[in-house]
Protein backbone atom coordinates (compact mmCIF):
# COMPACT_ATOMS: atom_id res chain seq x y z
CA MET A 1 0.00 0.00 0.00
CA LEU A 2 1.25 3.47 -0.93
CA ASP A 3 1.29 6.24 1.62
CA ALA A 4 -0.21 8.76 -0.80
CA VAL A 5 -1.66 8.95 -4.29
CA VAL A 6 -1.92 12.31 -6.07
CA VAL A 7 -4.44 12.80 -8.87
CA GLY A 8 -3.35 15.55 -11.28
CA ALA A 9 0.21 16.53 -12.18
CA GLY A 10 -0.15 20.30 -12.14
CA PRO A 11 2.23 22.44 -10.06
CA ASN A 12 0.15 21.94 -6.91
CA GLY A 13 -0.18 18.20 -7.28
CA LEU A 14 3.52 17.81 -8.02
CA THR A 15 4.47 20.05 -5.09
CA ALA A 16 2.26 18.05 -2.72
CA ALA A 17 3.88 14.84 -3.95
CA VAL A 18 7.39 16.27 -3.51
CA GLU A 19 6.68 17.52 0.01
CA LEU A 20 5.45 14.08 1.06
CA ALA A 21 8.28 12.23 -0.67
CA ARG A 22 10.82 14.51 1.05
CA ARG A 23 9.47 13.25 4.37
CA GLY A 24 9.91 9.62 3.47
CA PHE A 25 6.38 8.76 2.35
CA SER A 26 5.80 6.58 -0.72
CA VAL A 27 3.98 8.62 -3.39
CA ALA A 28 2.55 8.04 -6.87
CA VAL A 29 1.08 10.68 -9.19
CA PHE A 30 -1.57 9.94 -11.83
CA GLU A 31 -2.17 12.40 -14.69
CA ALA A 32 -4.86 12.15 -17.40
CA ARG A 33 -2.83 14.00 -20.06
CA ASP A 34 0.21 12.55 -21.81
CA THR A 35 2.55 15.05 -20.12
CA VAL A 36 2.78 16.62 -16.68
CA GLY A 37 2.18 20.33 -16.19
CA GLY A 38 -1.44 21.35 -15.74
CA GLY A 39 -1.36 25.15 -16.02
CA ALA A 40 2.43 25.12 -16.49
CA ARG A 41 3.05 23.56 -19.89
CA THR A 42 4.90 24.50 -23.08
CA GLU A 43 3.91 23.37 -26.57
CA GLU A 44 4.40 24.21 -30.25
CA LEU A 45 0.94 25.66 -30.79
CA THR A 46 1.56 27.62 -34.00
CA LEU A 47 4.66 26.87 -36.09
CA PRO A 48 7.66 24.55 -35.64
CA GLY A 49 10.28 26.09 -33.36
CA PHE A 50 7.86 28.48 -31.63
CA LEU A 51 7.40 27.39 -28.01
CA HIS A 52 4.21 28.70 -26.39
CA ASP A 53 2.77 28.42 -22.89
CA PRO A 54 -0.89 27.34 -23.24
CA CYS A 55 -1.71 28.85 -19.85
CA SER A 56 0.61 30.56 -17.36
CA ALA A 57 3.68 32.30 -18.81
CA ALA A 58 5.04 34.90 -16.34
CA HIS A 59 5.64 33.86 -12.75
CA PRO A 60 5.74 36.61 -10.09
CA LEU A 61 4.23 34.21 -7.56
CA GLY A 62 6.42 31.32 -8.67
CA ILE A 63 9.75 32.99 -7.97
CA ASN A 64 8.39 34.36 -4.69
CA SER A 65 6.79 31.07 -3.60
CA PRO A 66 8.06 29.82 -0.22
CA ALA A 67 7.39 26.27 -1.43
CA PHE A 68 9.45 26.58 -4.63
CA ARG A 69 12.23 28.51 -2.90
CA ALA A 70 12.67 25.66 -0.42
CA LEU A 71 13.19 23.10 -3.20
CA PRO A 72 16.37 22.57 -5.28
CA LEU A 73 14.55 23.11 -8.57
CA GLU A 74 17.51 24.91 -10.16
CA ARG A 75 19.44 21.61 -9.98
CA TYR A 76 16.73 20.10 -12.17
CA GLY A 77 16.82 22.70 -14.93
CA LEU A 78 14.63 25.56 -13.70
CA GLU A 79 16.15 28.95 -14.54
CA TRP A 80 14.31 32.23 -14.05
CA LEU A 81 14.89 34.87 -16.73
CA HIS A 82 14.17 38.55 -16.06
CA ALA A 83 13.31 41.16 -18.66
CA GLU A 84 14.60 44.68 -18.11
CA LEU A 85 11.17 45.59 -16.68
CA PRO A 86 8.81 43.14 -14.96
CA MET A 87 5.75 44.90 -16.38
CA ALA A 88 4.72 47.95 -18.39
CA HIS A 89 1.32 49.53 -18.91
CA PRO A 90 1.30 51.67 -22.08
CA PHE A 91 -1.11 54.51 -22.79
CA THR A 92 -2.52 55.77 -26.06
CA ASP A 93 -0.26 58.85 -26.00
CA GLY A 94 2.85 56.67 -26.40
CA THR A 95 3.96 56.84 -22.77
CA ALA A 96 3.79 54.09 -20.14
CA ALA A 97 3.67 53.49 -16.41
CA VAL A 98 5.93 50.68 -15.29
CA LEU A 99 6.30 48.15 -12.53
CA SER A 100 10.04 47.99 -12.01
CA ARG A 101 12.22 46.14 -9.53
CA SER A 102 12.96 49.65 -8.25
CA VAL A 103 10.25 51.32 -6.18
CA ALA A 104 11.66 54.73 -7.10
CA GLU A 105 11.56 54.02 -10.85
CA THR A 106 8.00 52.73 -10.56
CA ALA A 107 6.88 55.75 -8.55
CA ALA A 108 8.53 58.14 -11.00
CA SER A 109 6.57 56.61 -13.90
CA PHE A 110 3.32 57.66 -12.19
CA GLY A 111 4.24 61.34 -12.17
CA PRO A 112 5.08 63.70 -9.30
CA ARG A 113 1.60 63.86 -7.79
CA ASP A 114 1.46 60.10 -7.09
CA ALA A 115 5.11 59.14 -6.63
CA GLY A 116 5.07 59.78 -2.90
CA ALA A 117 1.73 58.04 -2.39
CA TYR A 118 3.03 54.90 -4.08
CA ARG A 119 6.23 54.83 -2.06
CA ARG A 120 4.25 55.23 1.16
CA LEU A 121 2.01 52.34 0.07
CA VAL A 122 4.67 49.72 -0.66
CA GLU A 123 7.82 50.66 1.25
CA PRO A 124 6.56 49.67 4.75
CA PHE A 125 5.92 46.09 3.56
CA LEU A 126 8.90 45.46 1.29
CA PRO A 127 11.58 44.86 3.99
CA LYS A 128 9.33 42.24 5.60
CA TRP A 129 8.15 40.69 2.34
CA ASP A 130 9.42 37.14 2.94
CA ALA A 131 7.59 36.80 6.27
CA LEU A 132 4.52 38.50 4.84
CA VAL A 133 4.27 36.32 1.74
CA ARG A 134 4.72 33.17 3.82
CA ASP A 135 1.90 34.23 6.16
CA PHE A 136 -0.27 35.44 3.28
CA MET A 137 0.15 32.30 1.16
CA ALA A 138 -0.30 29.95 4.11
CA LEU A 139 -3.93 31.02 4.63
CA PRO A 140 -6.14 30.09 6.32
CA LEU A 141 -4.43 31.06 9.54
CA THR A 142 -4.57 27.82 11.48
CA ALA A 143 -1.18 28.64 12.99
CA LEU A 144 0.26 31.83 14.46
CA PRO A 145 1.65 34.15 11.74
CA ARG A 146 5.37 34.81 11.79
CA ASP A 147 4.85 38.58 11.72
CA PRO A 148 1.32 39.30 13.00
CA VAL A 149 1.84 43.07 13.16
CA THR A 150 2.86 43.36 9.49
CA LEU A 151 0.11 40.96 8.42
CA ALA A 152 -2.47 43.02 10.32
CA ARG A 153 -1.22 46.25 8.71
CA PHE A 154 -1.37 44.56 5.32
CA GLY A 155 -4.95 43.48 6.02
CA LEU A 156 -6.01 47.01 6.91
CA VAL A 157 -4.70 48.23 3.56
CA GLY A 158 -5.63 45.26 1.38
CA LEU A 159 -8.98 43.91 2.61
CA PRO A 160 -11.07 46.87 1.38
CA PRO A 161 -11.89 47.03 -2.35
CA ALA A 162 -9.21 48.12 -4.78
CA THR A 163 -11.32 51.14 -5.64
CA TRP A 164 -10.74 52.40 -2.08
CA LEU A 165 -7.01 51.88 -2.29
CA MET A 166 -6.87 53.63 -5.67
CA ARG A 167 -8.21 56.79 -4.03
CA ARG A 168 -4.69 57.32 -2.70
CA PHE A 169 -3.69 58.26 -6.25
CA ARG A 170 -4.64 61.53 -7.91
CA ASP A 171 -3.76 60.81 -11.53
CA GLU A 172 -4.90 58.13 -13.93
CA ARG A 173 -1.51 56.54 -14.60
CA ALA A 174 -1.17 54.97 -11.16
CA LYS A 175 -4.88 54.09 -10.96
CA THR A 176 -4.77 52.34 -14.32
CA LEU A 177 -1.69 50.26 -13.59
CA PHE A 178 -3.09 49.20 -10.21
CA ALA A 179 -6.49 48.35 -11.72
CA GLY A 180 -4.66 46.11 -14.19
CA LEU A 181 -2.86 44.31 -11.37
CA VAL A 182 -6.19 43.45 -9.73
CA ALA A 183 -7.61 42.27 -13.06
CA HIS A 184 -5.02 39.48 -13.25
CA VAL A 185 -7.38 37.38 -11.11
CA MET A 186 -10.49 38.51 -13.05
CA ALA A 187 -12.02 40.12 -9.95
CA PRO A 188 -14.20 43.26 -10.19
CA LEU A 189 -12.33 46.24 -8.79
CA SER A 190 -15.03 46.84 -6.17
CA GLY A 191 -14.70 43.37 -4.64
CA PHE A 192 -13.63 42.43 -1.12
CA ALA A 193 -9.82 42.17 -0.63
CA THR A 194 -9.04 43.18 -4.21
CA GLY A 195 -6.66 45.83 -2.85
CA ALA A 196 -4.56 43.00 -1.40
CA ILE A 197 -4.39 41.28 -4.79
CA GLY A 198 -2.96 44.34 -6.51
CA LEU A 199 -0.57 45.01 -3.66
CA VAL A 200 0.78 41.45 -3.66
CA PHE A 201 1.59 41.63 -7.38
CA ALA A 202 3.34 44.98 -6.93
CA LEU A 203 5.40 43.81 -3.95
CA ALA A 204 6.31 40.59 -5.75
CA ALA A 205 7.79 42.60 -8.62
CA HIS A 206 9.85 44.79 -6.30
CA ALA A 207 11.05 41.81 -4.27
CA ARG A 208 12.11 39.36 -7.00
CA GLY A 209 10.54 40.37 -10.31
CA TRP A 210 8.07 38.81 -12.75
CA PRO A 211 10.26 36.32 -14.61
CA VAL A 212 9.63 33.67 -17.23
CA ALA A 213 11.15 30.21 -17.06
CA ARG A 214 13.86 29.46 -19.61
CA GLY A 215 12.41 27.21 -22.28
CA GLY A 216 8.86 27.79 -21.10
CA SER A 217 6.65 27.07 -18.12
CA GLN A 218 6.99 23.34 -18.76
CA SER A 219 10.44 23.55 -17.17
CA ILE A 220 8.81 24.27 -13.78
CA SER A 221 6.70 21.12 -14.00
CA ASP A 222 9.60 19.08 -15.38
CA ALA A 223 11.89 20.19 -12.53
CA LEU A 224 9.29 19.20 -9.92
CA THR A 225 8.81 15.84 -11.65
CA ALA A 226 12.54 15.10 -11.87
CA TYR A 227 13.03 15.93 -8.20
CA LEU A 228 10.06 13.76 -7.23
CA LYS A 229 11.50 10.80 -9.12
CA ASP A 230 14.88 11.25 -7.42
CA LEU A 231 13.03 11.09 -4.10
CA GLY A 232 11.52 7.74 -5.09
CA GLY A 233 8.12 8.95 -6.28
CA THR A 234 6.50 7.71 -9.47
CA VAL A 235 4.49 9.55 -12.14
CA HIS A 236 1.93 7.90 -14.42
CA THR A 237 0.61 9.84 -17.42
CA ASP A 238 -2.25 8.97 -19.81
CA TYR A 239 -4.14 7.69 -16.77
CA GLU A 240 -7.63 9.10 -16.42
CA VAL A 241 -9.27 8.62 -13.03
CA LYS A 242 -13.05 8.31 -13.06
CA ARG A 243 -13.56 6.86 -9.60
CA LEU A 244 -11.48 6.07 -6.53
CA ASP A 245 -11.43 2.37 -7.45
CA ASP A 246 -9.29 3.28 -10.49
CA LEU A 247 -6.41 4.09 -8.11
CA PRO A 248 -4.10 1.75 -6.20
CA PRO A 249 -4.61 1.28 -2.45
CA ALA A 250 -3.19 4.17 -0.42
CA ARG A 251 -3.43 5.72 3.01
CA ALA A 252 -4.27 9.13 1.52
CA TYR A 253 -5.56 10.47 -1.79
CA ILE A 254 -4.81 14.08 -2.82
CA PHE A 255 -6.66 15.68 -5.74
CA ASP A 256 -5.19 18.48 -7.84
CA THR A 257 -8.57 18.84 -9.53
CA SER A 258 -11.59 21.08 -9.47
CA PRO A 259 -14.00 20.54 -6.56
CA THR A 260 -16.58 19.44 -9.16
CA ALA A 261 -14.32 16.66 -10.45
CA LEU A 262 -13.37 15.55 -6.94
CA ALA A 263 -17.03 15.30 -5.90
CA ARG A 264 -17.79 13.20 -8.98
CA ILE A 265 -14.80 10.85 -8.57
CA ALA A 266 -15.10 10.41 -4.81
CA GLY A 267 -18.88 10.24 -4.71
CA PHE A 268 -19.39 13.35 -2.58
CA GLY A 269 -22.67 14.30 -4.26
CA ASP A 270 -23.45 18.00 -3.89
CA TYR A 271 -20.84 18.66 -1.19
CA TYR A 272 -19.22 21.41 -3.33
CA ALA A 273 -22.46 22.61 -4.91
CA GLY A 274 -21.97 26.09 -3.46
CA TYR A 275 -18.55 26.56 -5.06
CA ARG A 276 -18.67 29.29 -7.70
CA TYR A 277 -16.66 29.50 -10.90
CA GLY A 278 -15.66 32.81 -12.43
CA PRO A 279 -15.51 34.25 -15.94
CA GLY A 280 -13.47 32.62 -18.64
CA VAL A 281 -10.72 33.91 -20.90
CA PHE A 282 -10.08 34.01 -24.62
CA LYS A 283 -6.40 33.37 -25.27
CA ILE A 284 -4.24 33.85 -28.36
CA ASP A 285 -0.70 32.61 -28.87
CA TYR A 286 1.18 34.35 -31.66
CA ALA A 287 4.19 33.52 -33.77
CA LEU A 288 5.60 36.89 -34.84
CA ASP A 289 8.03 37.95 -37.55
CA GLY A 290 9.62 40.45 -35.14
CA PRO A 291 9.07 42.10 -31.77
CA VAL A 292 5.74 43.72 -30.95
CA PRO A 293 5.93 47.31 -32.31
CA TRP A 294 4.89 49.05 -29.09
CA THR A 295 4.68 52.83 -29.33
CA ALA A 296 5.85 53.15 -25.70
CA LYS A 297 9.54 52.27 -25.49
CA GLU A 298 9.12 50.87 -21.97
CA ALA A 299 6.78 48.16 -23.25
CA ARG A 300 9.44 46.90 -25.66
CA ASN A 301 11.65 45.95 -22.71
CA ALA A 302 8.99 44.48 -20.41
CA GLY A 303 8.25 40.81 -19.84
CA THR A 304 4.53 41.47 -19.20
CA VAL A 305 2.45 44.25 -20.76
CA GLN A 306 -1.03 45.19 -19.52
CA ILE A 307 -3.48 46.59 -22.07
CA GLY A 308 -6.22 49.00 -20.97
CA ALA A 309 -6.49 52.69 -21.78
CA ASP A 310 -7.55 53.75 -18.27
CA SER A 311 -9.04 52.37 -15.06
CA ALA A 312 -12.61 53.03 -16.25
CA GLU A 313 -12.05 50.98 -19.41
CA ILE A 314 -10.57 48.15 -17.35
CA GLY A 315 -13.47 48.23 -14.90
CA THR A 316 -15.99 48.18 -17.75
CA ALA A 317 -14.32 45.14 -19.32
CA LEU A 318 -14.29 43.25 -16.02
CA ARG A 319 -17.96 43.98 -15.33
CA ALA A 320 -18.96 42.93 -18.83
CA ALA A 321 -17.33 39.50 -18.49
CA SER A 322 -18.07 38.77 -14.83
CA ARG A 323 -21.47 40.37 -14.22
CA GLU A 324 -23.17 41.29 -17.47
CA GLY A 325 -22.57 38.06 -19.37
CA ARG A 326 -21.11 39.63 -22.49
CA ALA A 327 -17.72 39.95 -24.12
CA PRO A 328 -16.22 43.45 -23.72
CA GLU A 329 -15.86 45.62 -26.81
CA LYS A 330 -12.49 46.85 -25.53
CA PRO A 331 -11.12 43.90 -23.55
CA PHE A 332 -8.58 44.37 -20.82
CA MET A 333 -5.63 42.21 -21.83
CA ILE A 334 -2.64 40.66 -20.16
CA THR A 335 0.17 39.96 -22.58
CA VAL A 336 3.56 38.29 -22.13
CA GLN A 337 6.50 38.42 -24.53
CA PRO A 338 8.88 35.65 -23.37
CA SER A 339 11.25 35.89 -26.33
CA VAL A 340 12.25 39.42 -25.28
CA VAL A 341 14.48 37.69 -22.73
CA ASP A 342 14.51 34.02 -23.84
CA PRO A 343 15.76 33.48 -27.40
CA THR A 344 15.20 29.71 -27.11
CA ARG A 345 11.46 30.25 -27.49
CA ALA A 346 11.50 31.14 -31.22
CA PRO A 347 13.74 30.89 -34.29
CA ALA A 348 16.38 33.61 -34.70
CA GLY A 349 14.81 37.01 -35.24
CA LYS A 350 11.29 35.71 -34.52
CA HIS A 351 9.17 36.05 -31.38
CA VAL A 352 6.38 34.38 -29.44
CA PHE A 353 3.65 36.49 -27.88
CA TRP A 354 0.92 35.48 -25.40
CA ALA A 355 -2.31 37.40 -24.77
CA TYR A 356 -5.71 36.92 -23.23
CA GLY A 357 -8.88 38.88 -22.54
CA HIS A 358 -11.77 38.15 -20.20
CA VAL A 359 -15.07 36.72 -21.45
CA PRO A 360 -18.16 35.24 -19.74
CA SER A 361 -17.98 31.68 -18.46
CA GLY A 362 -18.46 29.17 -21.26
CA TRP A 363 -18.52 31.88 -23.96
CA THR A 364 -18.29 30.40 -27.46
CA GLY A 365 -17.55 33.50 -29.56
CA ASP A 366 -14.34 34.75 -31.16
CA LEU A 367 -12.56 37.67 -29.47
CA THR A 368 -9.65 37.76 -31.92
CA ASP A 369 -10.68 40.93 -33.76
CA ALA A 370 -11.47 42.88 -30.57
CA MET A 371 -8.15 41.87 -28.99
CA GLU A 372 -6.15 42.79 -32.07
CA ARG A 373 -7.90 46.16 -32.35
CA GLN A 374 -6.79 46.80 -28.77
CA LEU A 375 -3.23 45.80 -29.59
CA GLU A 376 -3.16 48.07 -32.63
CA ARG A 377 -4.05 51.04 -30.37
CA PHE A 378 -0.77 50.59 -28.49
CA ALA A 379 1.33 48.79 -31.12
CA PRO A 380 0.36 50.05 -34.60
CA GLY A 381 1.34 47.52 -37.26
CA PHE A 382 1.04 44.54 -34.90
CA ARG A 383 -1.09 42.53 -37.33
CA ASP A 384 1.58 42.88 -40.01
CA ARG A 385 4.01 40.91 -37.82
CA VAL A 386 1.72 37.93 -37.26
CA LEU A 387 3.00 34.73 -38.88
CA ALA A 388 0.48 32.44 -37.19
CA ARG A 389 -1.93 32.47 -34.28
CA ALA A 390 -3.52 29.78 -32.11
CA THR A 391 -6.78 30.79 -30.43
CA ALA A 392 -8.50 29.15 -27.47
CA GLY A 393 -11.79 30.25 -25.95
CA PRO A 394 -13.45 28.79 -22.84
CA PRO A 395 -14.50 25.48 -24.49
CA GLU A 396 -10.98 24.83 -25.81
CA LEU A 397 -9.32 25.77 -22.52
CA ALA A 398 -11.66 23.50 -20.59
CA ALA A 399 -10.92 20.65 -23.02
CA ARG A 400 -7.17 21.10 -22.51
CA ASN A 401 -7.39 21.35 -18.72
CA ALA A 402 -10.39 19.88 -16.91
CA ASN A 403 -9.82 22.24 -13.97
CA TYR A 404 -10.71 25.27 -16.15
CA ILE A 405 -14.46 24.91 -15.97
CA GLY A 406 -16.12 27.38 -18.34
CA GLY A 407 -12.65 28.67 -19.26
CA ASP A 408 -12.01 29.89 -15.70
CA ILE A 409 -8.21 29.66 -15.43
CA ALA A 410 -8.43 30.69 -11.75
CA SER A 411 -10.27 27.42 -10.98
CA GLY A 412 -12.96 29.33 -9.10
CA ALA A 413 -14.27 32.87 -8.73
CA VAL A 414 -11.85 35.11 -6.83
CA THR A 415 -14.59 37.19 -5.28
CA GLY A 416 -16.20 37.63 -1.88
CA LEU A 417 -15.15 35.28 0.90
CA GLN A 418 -14.13 32.76 -1.75
CA ILE A 419 -10.94 34.81 -2.21
CA MET A 420 -9.64 33.25 1.01
CA LEU A 421 -12.15 30.64 2.18
CA ARG A 422 -12.27 28.16 -0.69
CA PRO A 423 -13.62 25.68 -1.69
CA LYS A 424 -15.74 25.64 1.51
CA LEU A 425 -16.13 27.98 4.47
CA SER A 426 -13.69 26.08 6.66
CA LEU A 427 -10.44 26.54 8.54
CA PHE A 428 -9.34 23.17 7.08
CA PRO A 429 -10.09 23.59 3.36
CA TYR A 430 -7.80 20.76 2.21
CA GLY A 431 -9.91 18.11 3.94
CA THR A 432 -13.07 16.52 2.54
CA PRO A 433 -15.94 14.41 3.91
CA HIS A 434 -13.68 11.34 3.60
CA PRO A 435 -10.81 11.38 6.14
CA ALA A 436 -8.35 9.92 3.64
CA VAL A 437 -9.24 12.20 0.72
CA PHE A 438 -7.79 15.72 0.30
CA ILE A 439 -7.87 18.51 -2.29
CA CYS A 440 -4.80 20.60 -3.21
CA SER A 441 -5.72 22.48 -6.40
CA SER A 442 -6.01 26.23 -7.00
CA ALA A 443 -9.53 25.91 -5.63
CA THR A 444 -7.87 25.91 -2.17
CA PRO A 445 -5.92 28.74 -0.46
CA PRO A 446 -3.97 30.72 -1.45
CA GLY A 447 -5.70 30.35 -4.81
CA PRO A 448 -4.67 30.67 -8.46
CA GLY A 449 -1.14 31.00 -9.78
CA VAL A 450 1.85 28.76 -10.43
CA HIS A 451 3.33 28.77 -6.92
CA GLY A 452 2.71 25.29 -5.51
CA MET A 453 1.55 26.68 -2.18
CA SER A 454 -1.86 25.01 -2.32
CA GLY A 455 -0.05 21.69 -2.75
CA HIS A 456 2.43 22.58 -0.01
CA ASN A 457 -0.33 23.49 2.43
CA ALA A 458 -2.37 20.38 1.60
CA ALA A 459 0.69 18.18 2.07
CA LYS A 460 0.98 19.48 5.64
CA ALA A 461 -2.56 18.32 6.36
CA VAL A 462 -1.82 14.94 4.75
CA TRP A 463 1.39 14.19 6.62
CA ARG A 464 -0.25 15.11 9.93
CA ARG A 465 -2.88 12.48 9.21
CA LEU A 466 -0.31 9.92 8.07
CA ARG A 467 1.66 10.38 11.27
CA GLN A 468 -1.52 9.95 13.34
CA THR A 469 -2.45 6.71 11.59
C-alpha cells in the first residue's frame, strides 16, 4: 500500500507529492494527459520552433513562492529569466507606467503627484516581504503568523476594495496600472480584498521580479517531476481517473482537480455545490516575424504588458465579463512576450507572444478581432508581424485542462469570501468528507497561480494524518 496517491500533475499536485516524498512517504502521481504540467506547460501551438505556454507564462508568484524557494529546482533545470522591466502599462499617448524592480523608478513613472503616495504604500511592507508572503500564502491562519503586526497592517490596507485603495492616487496613470494588477485574477475592482491582490503583485515585482522560465513554463513542471523521481516517487501519465477504485490502495488520496471533479470521482454528491466558478478567458498565442511594435519604449523591454487605456475601461471590461454576461468591446488584456528575454522560445529574429482577454464563463464566440484592435491602439502595425496564431476560448481551454471549468483559469471565482475561504467555508479547506481524501488544487488557499503553495499546504494536512495513523 502506498502512503499517498496524487491525482493531477499540475504544479500543486507535483508540489504536494514532492513535500510528502521529502518526508519519506511513498507517493505516486496519476495524470490524465500525456505530459505533466497542468497550467504550467509548453507546446508548439503555431509553427515549428515556436514554443508557447498554453496557460501561465510569467511567474511573479512562482519565484516568490516559499514552497518553490525551499526546493532545489535549479538543480533540475529551472532557470528564471528577467526582462529589463517586470511589467509595463502603455497609454494611447505613447507613454507608459511601469512596474520595475525599483520602487523609485515605478513611482517616478506615475508622475510627481502620485510618486510619494506609491512609495508610502509599498515601502513599509517590502523589507518584511518574505515573512509577509509566507503568512499570506499559508492562509487560512490555522497557525500563528510569523509577523502578526505586518500581516495586520497589510490586512487594513488590502482587505477593502481596490477602488478604495486607488483613491490614494490623484492621476490616472497609477490608478490604471493598479487596476490592471487586480484584473489578473479577473475580480471586479469593487470586490472584497481586491486591494490585497494588486498590492501582492506589486510587492512581488519589487522583491524578486516577474520572470519567465527558460524554455517555457513546462520547465517548472519538469523540474518538480525530476526531483520527485529522485526522491523515489512515481508519475503515471495517460491515466484518467473516473472513480477512486481506479487508483491503487493508499493511506491518503490528494486531488489536484476542481471541486466538481473531486465530488464526482469520490462520490461526494453536492458537497461542493456552493462553489462558484468565475468568468473565462479568450487566449491567443502568436508567432511573430519580429518584436511587438509598441509605441511606448518601456513596453518593448517588459516581460509582461497590460493593455487597458484607463481604469474606467478596465473596470468596464471586467464587469462585462463577470457580471453582465457579455464579451467586452475593448477587452482588458494581459500579454507576455517571453522571447524578449529568452531566445530559445522562437527561431532567430522571430518572437512568441501570449495574450488573453476576459469573457463570460463558457462563452463560445471569437474575441480575436477585438483583442487585435486593442493591440493596434498601443502597437500600430502589430497585425503585419503575425505569422500564425492559435486561439482558445473557454471550451478549448476546458478541453485542454479539466480544472478550467467554463474557461475559468483561476479554478474558481476570486470574489467575496471565496478569495480566502475556498472551496468551503472552513479553517481546514484541504480536507473533505472522507478522512483519507484531500484537495490541493487552486480551488484551495492561497488560490490561483503557479506557486505550488496550495499543494504545499495540503501536504501538511496529509502528513499530519499519516503520522496519526
